[in-house]
Amino acid sequence: DPADNVQAARNASVTVNGVAITSATNVLSDVIPGVTVNLRRADATKTVSIDVEPDHAETIAKVEEFATAYNNVIAFINEQTTSIESGKMGIGRDSMVRGLREALRFTIMGAETGALARLPEAGITFDRTGKIVIEKDRLTEAITSSQADVQALFGGADGNGGRFGALETLIASYTKAGGLVANVRDRI
């Protein structure tokens, strides 16, 4: 009879670092921050050791995403300047556009007060065209050796400071109502 082989469901019970955990499922996602543990089989006599290594791929991908967006803005500004030099219409000579390019670079390259003061210390530099270049090995090393210092450099401890916070403030000054972009529209 197939009904004889049916077992009643039971909660999973494990001990993690001396703390007893009970779960209605075999997937533990809130026991170790940032780690999901899949329980495969019950064996009360067996102890399993789990070594957790940080995966910096997501952080590096976010930095690369930022660099791509920044580089796209710089490429657009460079195209505008090139089109004017070849006799076509463009906004490359507008003082606001030139000022934005310089302000972006100045803001990104600014200094913080932490152990990592500038982005090049974390492997983020500029090429001769003004685009960001990421030295992945250096960035990975910085994240591995001191994730908190890299976090402070990029976004501050609360995510509102650092170079990204300064960049956000700069962009807001250009885009807010009555800001530099609105003034250029009025002027044009």
C-alpha atoms as a PDB file:
ATOM      1  CA  ASP A   1       0.000   0.000   0.000  1.00  0.00           C
ATOM      2  CA  PRO A   2       1.602   3.354  -1.093  1.00  0.00           C
ATOM      3  CA  ALA A   3       0.093   5.119   1.928  1.00  0.00           C
ATOM      4  CA  ASP A   4       2.370   3.082   4.218  1.00  0.00           C
ATOM      5  CA  ASN A   5       5.454   4.761   2.677  1.00  0.00           C
ATOM      6  CA  VAL A   6       4.253   8.314   3.369  1.00  0.00           C
ATOM      7  CA  GLN A   7       5.954  10.162   6.216  1.00  0.00           C
ATOM      8  CA  ALA A   8       4.571  13.179   8.003  1.00  0.00           C
ATOM      9  CA  ALA A   9       6.471  16.387   7.224  1.00  0.00           C
ATOM     10  CA  ARG A  10       8.747  17.669   9.976  1.00  0.00           C
ATOM     11  CA  ASN A  11      10.574  20.937  10.458  1.00  0.00           C
ATOM     12  CA  ALA A  12      14.289  20.951   9.746  1.00  0.00           C
ATOM     13  CA  SER A  13      16.428  21.259  12.879  1.00  0.00           C
ATOM     14  CA  VAL A  14      20.085  22.257  12.767  1.00  0.00           C
ATOM     15  CA  THR A  15      22.630  23.877  15.049  1.00  0.00           C
ATOM     16  CA  VAL A  16      24.675  26.732  13.579  1.00  0.00           C
ATOM     17  CA  ASN A  17      27.559  28.038  15.692  1.00  0.00           C
ATOM     18  CA  GLY A  18      25.920  26.572  18.804  1.00  0.00           C
ATOM     19  CA  VAL A  19      22.487  28.103  18.076  1.00  0.00           C
ATOM     20  CA  ALA A  20      19.570  25.727  17.496  1.00  0.00           C
ATOM     21  CA  ILE A  21      17.611  26.612  14.333  1.00  0.00           C
ATOM     22  CA  THR A  22      14.235  25.213  13.284  1.00  0.00           C
ATOM     23  CA  SER A  23      12.815  25.835   9.820  1.00  0.00           C
ATOM     24  CA  ALA A  24       9.647  24.786   7.992  1.00  0.00           C
ATOM     25  CA  THR A  25      11.733  24.431   4.816  1.00  0.00           C
ATOM     26  CA  ASN A  26      15.121  22.955   3.948  1.00  0.00           C
ATOM     27  CA  VAL A  27      16.357  26.333   2.702  1.00  0.00           C
ATOM     28  CA  LEU A  28      17.891  28.573   5.347  1.00  0.00           C
ATOM     29  CA  SER A  29      18.382  32.099   4.040  1.00  0.00           C
ATOM     30  CA  ASP A  30      18.406  34.148   7.229  1.00  0.00           C
ATOM     31  CA  VAL A  31      20.806  32.184   9.436  1.00  0.00           C
ATOM     32  CA  ILE A  32      24.112  33.475   8.061  1.00  0.00           C
ATOM     33  CA  PRO A  33      23.896  36.988   6.539  1.00  0.00           C
ATOM     34  CA  GLY A  34      24.295  36.835   2.768  1.00  0.00           C
ATOM     35  CA  VAL A  35      24.379  33.015   2.654  1.00  0.00           C
ATOM     36  CA  THR A  36      21.686  30.512   1.679  1.00  0.00           C
ATOM     37  CA  VAL A  37      22.088  27.009   3.096  1.00  0.00           C
ATOM     38  CA  ASN A  38      20.260  24.125   1.388  1.00  0.00           C
ATOM     39  CA  LEU A  39      19.762  21.151   3.711  1.00  0.00           C
ATOM     40  CA  ARG A  40      19.960  17.910   1.684  1.00  0.00           C
ATOM     41  CA  ARG A  41      19.548  15.068   4.182  1.00  0.00           C
ATOM     42  CA  ALA A  42      19.192  14.421   7.890  1.00  0.00           C
ATOM     43  CA  ASP A  43      22.064  12.889   9.833  1.00  0.00           C
ATOM     44  CA  ALA A  44      22.194  13.807  13.524  1.00  0.00           C
ATOM     45  CA  THR A  45      25.641  12.198  13.893  1.00  0.00           C
ATOM     46  CA  LYS A  46      27.315  14.240  11.184  1.00  0.00           C
ATOM     47  CA  THR A  47      28.882  17.686  11.621  1.00  0.00           C
ATOM     48  CA  VAL A  48      29.269  19.778   8.473  1.00  0.00           C
ATOM     49  CA  SER A  49      31.698  22.692   8.259  1.00  0.00           C
ATOM     50  CA  ILE A  50      30.874  25.517   5.893  1.00  0.00           C
ATOM     51  CA  ASP A  51      33.539  27.957   4.769  1.00  0.00           C
ATOM     52  CA  VAL A  52      32.067  31.180   3.466  1.00  0.00           C
ATOM     53  CA  GLU A  53      34.133  33.298   1.106  1.00  0.00           C
ATOM     54  CA  PRO A  54      32.881  36.682  -0.073  1.00  0.00           C
ATOM     55  CA  ASP A  55      31.952  36.937  -3.746  1.00  0.00           C
ATOM     56  CA  HIS A  56      33.035  40.328  -5.002  1.00  0.00           C
ATOM     57  CA  ALA A  57      31.683  39.773  -8.510  1.00  0.00           C
ATOM     58  CA  GLU A  58      28.491  41.748  -7.819  1.00  0.00           C
ATOM     59  CA  THR A  59      30.421  44.719  -6.392  1.00  0.00           C
ATOM     60  CA  ILE A  60      32.803  44.738  -9.335  1.00  0.00           C
ATOM     61  CA  ALA A  61      29.867  44.486 -11.761  1.00  0.00           C
ATOM     62  CA  LYS A  62      28.269  47.561 -10.142  1.00  0.00           C
ATOM     63  CA  VAL A  63      31.522  49.523 -10.459  1.00  0.00           C
ATOM     64  CA  GLU A  64      31.782  48.435 -14.107  1.00  0.00           C
ATOM     65  CA  GLU A  65      28.163  49.502 -14.681  1.00  0.00           C
ATOM     66  CA  PHE A  66      28.943  52.927 -13.237  1.00  0.00           C
ATOM     67  CA  ALA A  67      32.095  53.214 -15.369  1.00  0.00           C
ATOM     68  CA  THR A  68      30.126  52.329 -18.517  1.00  0.00           C
ATOM     69  CA  ALA A  69      27.489  54.978 -17.771  1.00  0.00           C
ATOM     70  CA  TYR A  70      30.160  57.588 -17.038  1.00  0.00           C
ATOM     71  CA  ASN A  71      32.119  56.661 -20.168  1.00  0.00           C
ATOM     72  CA  ASN A  72      28.945  56.975 -22.272  1.00  0.00           C
ATOM     73  CA  VAL A  73      28.469  60.548 -21.032  1.00  0.00           C
ATOM     74  CA  ILE A  74      32.102  61.393 -21.812  1.00  0.00           C
ATOM     75  CA  ALA A  75      31.801  59.760 -25.259  1.00  0.00           C
ATOM     76  CA  PHE A  76      28.737  61.914 -25.995  1.00  0.00           C
ATOM     77  CA  ILE A  77      30.557  65.090 -24.948  1.00  0.00           C
ATOM     78  CA  ASN A  78      33.598  64.085 -27.021  1.00  0.00           C
ATOM     79  CA  GLU A  79      31.342  63.441 -30.056  1.00  0.00           C
ATOM     80  CA  GLN A  80      29.813  66.882 -29.659  1.00  0.00           C
ATOM     81  CA  THR A  81      33.250  68.495 -29.592  1.00  0.00           C
ATOM     82  CA  THR A  82      34.416  66.463 -32.598  1.00  0.00           C
ATOM     83  CA  SER A  83      31.312  67.349 -34.623  1.00  0.00           C
ATOM     84  CA  ILE A  84      31.954  71.069 -34.074  1.00  0.00           C
ATOM     85  CA  GLU A  85      35.599  70.688 -35.103  1.00  0.00           C
ATOM     86  CA  SER A  86      34.429  69.094 -38.361  1.00  0.00           C
ATOM     87  CA  GLY A  87      31.980  71.920 -39.060  1.00  0.00           C
ATOM     88  CA  LYS A  88      28.781  70.231 -37.873  1.00  0.00           C
ATOM     89  CA  MET A  89      26.305  71.469 -35.293  1.00  0.00           C
ATOM     90  CA  GLY A  90      26.894  70.426 -31.701  1.00  0.00           C
ATOM     91  CA  ILE A  91      26.962  71.593 -28.124  1.00  0.00           C
ATOM     92  CA  GLY A  92      30.612  70.726 -27.494  1.00  0.00           C
ATOM     93  CA  ARG A  93      31.732  74.342 -27.153  1.00  0.00           C
ATOM     94  CA  ASP A  94      28.996  75.336 -24.769  1.00  0.00           C
ATOM     95  CA  SER A  95      30.556  76.401 -21.471  1.00  0.00           C
ATOM     96  CA  MET A  96      28.040  74.354 -19.482  1.00  0.00           C
ATOM     97  CA  VAL A  97      28.977  71.168 -21.355  1.00  0.00           C
ATOM     98  CA  ARG A  98      32.709  71.794 -20.962  1.00  0.00           C
ATOM     99  CA  GLY A  99      32.159  72.663 -17.311  1.00  0.00           C
ATOM    100  CA  LEU A 100      30.179  69.481 -16.732  1.00  0.00           C
ATOM    101  CA  ARG A 101      32.949  67.335 -18.162  1.00  0.00           C
ATOM    102  CA  GLU A 102      35.574  68.936 -15.950  1.00  0.00           C
ATOM    103  CA  ALA A 103      33.325  68.921 -12.884  1.00  0.00           C
ATOM    104  CA  LEU A 104      32.567  65.206 -13.331  1.00  0.00           C
ATOM    105  CA  ARG A 105      36.238  64.328 -13.484  1.00  0.00           C
ATOM    106  CA  PHE A 106      37.159  66.639 -10.610  1.00  0.00           C
ATOM    107  CA  THR A 107      34.371  65.239  -8.423  1.00  0.00           C
ATOM    108  CA  ILE A 108      35.186  61.606  -9.136  1.00  0.00           C
ATOM    109  CA  MET A 109      38.893  62.151  -8.536  1.00  0.00           C
ATOM    110  CA  GLY A 110      38.278  64.084  -5.297  1.00  0.00           C
ATOM    111  CA  ALA A 111      39.611  62.866  -1.978  1.00  0.00           C
ATOM    112  CA  GLU A 112      37.948  61.193   0.971  1.00  0.00           C
ATOM    113  CA  THR A 113      39.293  61.052   4.514  1.00  0.00           C
ATOM    114  CA  GLY A 114      39.383  57.254   4.952  1.00  0.00           C
ATOM    115  CA  ALA A 115      42.201  54.758   4.554  1.00  0.00           C
ATOM    116  CA  LEU A 116      41.514  54.820   0.803  1.00  0.00           C
ATOM    117  CA  ALA A 117      41.481  58.492  -0.094  1.00  0.00           C
ATOM    118  CA  ARG A 118      41.155  58.397  -3.888  1.00  0.00           C
ATOM    119  CA  LEU A 119      39.651  56.064  -6.487  1.00  0.00           C
ATOM    120  CA  PRO A 120      42.998  55.189  -8.152  1.00  0.00           C
ATOM    121  CA  GLU A 121      43.953  53.489  -4.873  1.00  0.00           C
ATOM    122  CA  ALA A 122      41.063  51.118  -5.589  1.00  0.00           C
ATOM    123  CA  GLY A 123      42.039  50.615  -9.243  1.00  0.00           C
ATOM    124  CA  ILE A 124      39.794  53.219 -10.873  1.00  0.00           C
ATOM    125  CA  THR A 125      41.705  55.569 -13.148  1.00  0.00           C
ATOM    126  CA  PHE A 126      41.226  57.613 -16.320  1.00  0.00           C
ATOM    127  CA  ASP A 127      42.681  57.121 -19.780  1.00  0.00           C
ATOM    128  CA  ARG A 128      43.902  60.015 -21.919  1.00  0.00           C
ATOM    129  CA  THR A 129      40.426  60.537 -23.430  1.00  0.00           C
ATOM    130  CA  GLY A 130      38.885  61.090 -19.989  1.00  0.00           C
ATOM    131  CA  LYS A 131      37.150  57.731 -19.736  1.00  0.00           C
ATOM    132  CA  ILE A 132      37.265  55.548 -16.643  1.00  0.00           C
ATOM    133  CA  VAL A 133      39.483  52.477 -16.733  1.00  0.00           C
ATOM    134  CA  ILE A 134      39.071  49.771 -14.100  1.00  0.00           C
ATOM    135  CA  GLU A 135      42.098  47.781 -13.015  1.00  0.00           C
ATOM    136  CA  LYS A 136      40.140  44.697 -11.908  1.00  0.00           C
ATOM    137  CA  ASP A 137      42.991  43.067 -10.000  1.00  0.00           C
ATOM    138  CA  ARG A 138      43.632  46.213  -7.996  1.00  0.00           C
ATOM    139  CA  LEU A 139      39.909  46.739  -7.316  1.00  0.00           C
ATOM    140  CA  THR A 140      39.495  43.111  -6.218  1.00  0.00           C
ATOM    141  CA  GLU A 141      42.531  43.413  -3.951  1.00  0.00           C
ATOM    142  CA  ALA A 142      41.157  46.596  -2.362  1.00  0.00           C
ATOM    143  CA  ILE A 143      37.741  45.006  -1.773  1.00  0.00           C
ATOM    144  CA  THR A 144      39.303  41.826  -0.388  1.00  0.00           C
ATOM    145  CA  SER A 145      41.690  43.592   1.968  1.00  0.00           C
ATOM    146  CA  SER A 146      39.214  46.174   3.273  1.00  0.00           C
ATOM    147  CA  GLN A 147      35.660  46.174   2.037  1.00  0.00           C
ATOM    148  CA  ALA A 148      34.721  48.863   4.604  1.00  0.00           C
ATOM    149  CA  ASP A 149      37.379  51.255   3.241  1.00  0.00           C
ATOM    150  CA  VAL A 150      36.175  50.715  -0.327  1.00  0.00           C
ATOM    151  CA  GLN A 151      32.586  51.271   0.803  1.00  0.00           C
ATOM    152  CA  ALA A 152      33.579  54.530   2.528  1.00  0.00           C
ATOM    153  CA  LEU A 153      35.454  55.674  -0.589  1.00  0.00           C
ATOM    154  CA  PHE A 154      32.554  54.969  -2.937  1.00  0.00           C
ATOM    155  CA  GLY A 155      29.490  55.692  -0.876  1.00  0.00           C
ATOM    156  CA  GLY A 156      30.319  56.384   2.726  1.00  0.00           C
ATOM    157  CA  ALA A 157      29.213  54.200   5.614  1.00  0.00           C
ATOM    158  CA  ASP A 158      25.564  55.149   5.101  1.00  0.00           C
ATOM    159  CA  GLY A 159      25.668  54.997   1.297  1.00  0.00           C
ATOM    160  CA  ASN A 160      25.152  58.767   1.013  1.00  0.00           C
ATOM    161  CA  GLY A 161      28.709  60.078   1.117  1.00  0.00           C
ATOM    162  CA  GLY A 162      31.918  59.187  -0.633  1.00  0.00           C
ATOM    163  CA  ARG A 163      32.650  59.901  -4.271  1.00  0.00           C
ATOM    164  CA  PHE A 164      29.216  58.693  -5.424  1.00  0.00           C
ATOM    165  CA  GLY A 165      27.473  61.024  -2.973  1.00  0.00           C
ATOM    166  CA  ALA A 166      29.591  63.942  -4.204  1.00  0.00           C
ATOM    167  CA  LEU A 167      28.749  62.992  -7.784  1.00  0.00           C
ATOM    168  CA  GLU A 168      25.038  62.834  -6.976  1.00  0.00           C
ATOM    169  CA  THR A 169      25.217  66.346  -5.483  1.00  0.00           C
ATOM    170  CA  LEU A 170      27.017  67.647  -8.577  1.00  0.00           C
ATOM    171  CA  ILE A 171      24.473  66.122 -10.971  1.00  0.00           C
ATOM    172  CA  ALA A 172      21.601  67.537  -8.900  1.00  0.00           C
ATOM    173  CA  SER A 173      23.088  71.032  -9.248  1.00  0.00           C
ATOM    174  CA  TYR A 174      22.946  70.629 -13.026  1.00  0.00           C
ATOM    175  CA  THR A 175      19.522  69.029 -13.316  1.00  0.00           C
ATOM    176  CA  LYS A 176      17.387  70.643 -10.604  1.00  0.00           C
ATOM    177  CA  ALA A 177      14.769  73.257 -11.469  1.00  0.00           C
ATOM    178  CA  GLY A 178      16.679  76.487 -11.990  1.00  0.00           C
ATOM    179  CA  GLY A 179      19.942  74.515 -12.238  1.00  0.00           C
ATOM    180  CA  LEU A 180      22.612  74.822 -14.895  1.00  0.00           C
ATOM    181  CA  VAL A 181      20.784  72.721 -17.536  1.00  0.00           C
ATOM    182  CA  ALA A 182      17.583  74.758 -17.130  1.00  0.00           C
ATOM    183  CA  ASN A 183      19.588  77.994 -17.426  1.00  0.00           C
ATOM    184  CA  VAL A 184      21.202  76.800 -20.663  1.00  0.00           C
ATOM    185  CA  ARG A 185      17.768  75.991 -22.113  1.00  0.00           C
ATOM    186  CA  ASP A 186      16.641  79.523 -21.280  1.00  0.00           C
ATOM    187  CA  ARG A 187      19.817  80.992 -22.773  1.00  0.00           C
ATOM    188  CA  ILE A 188      19.530  78.974 -25.986  1.00  0.00           C
END
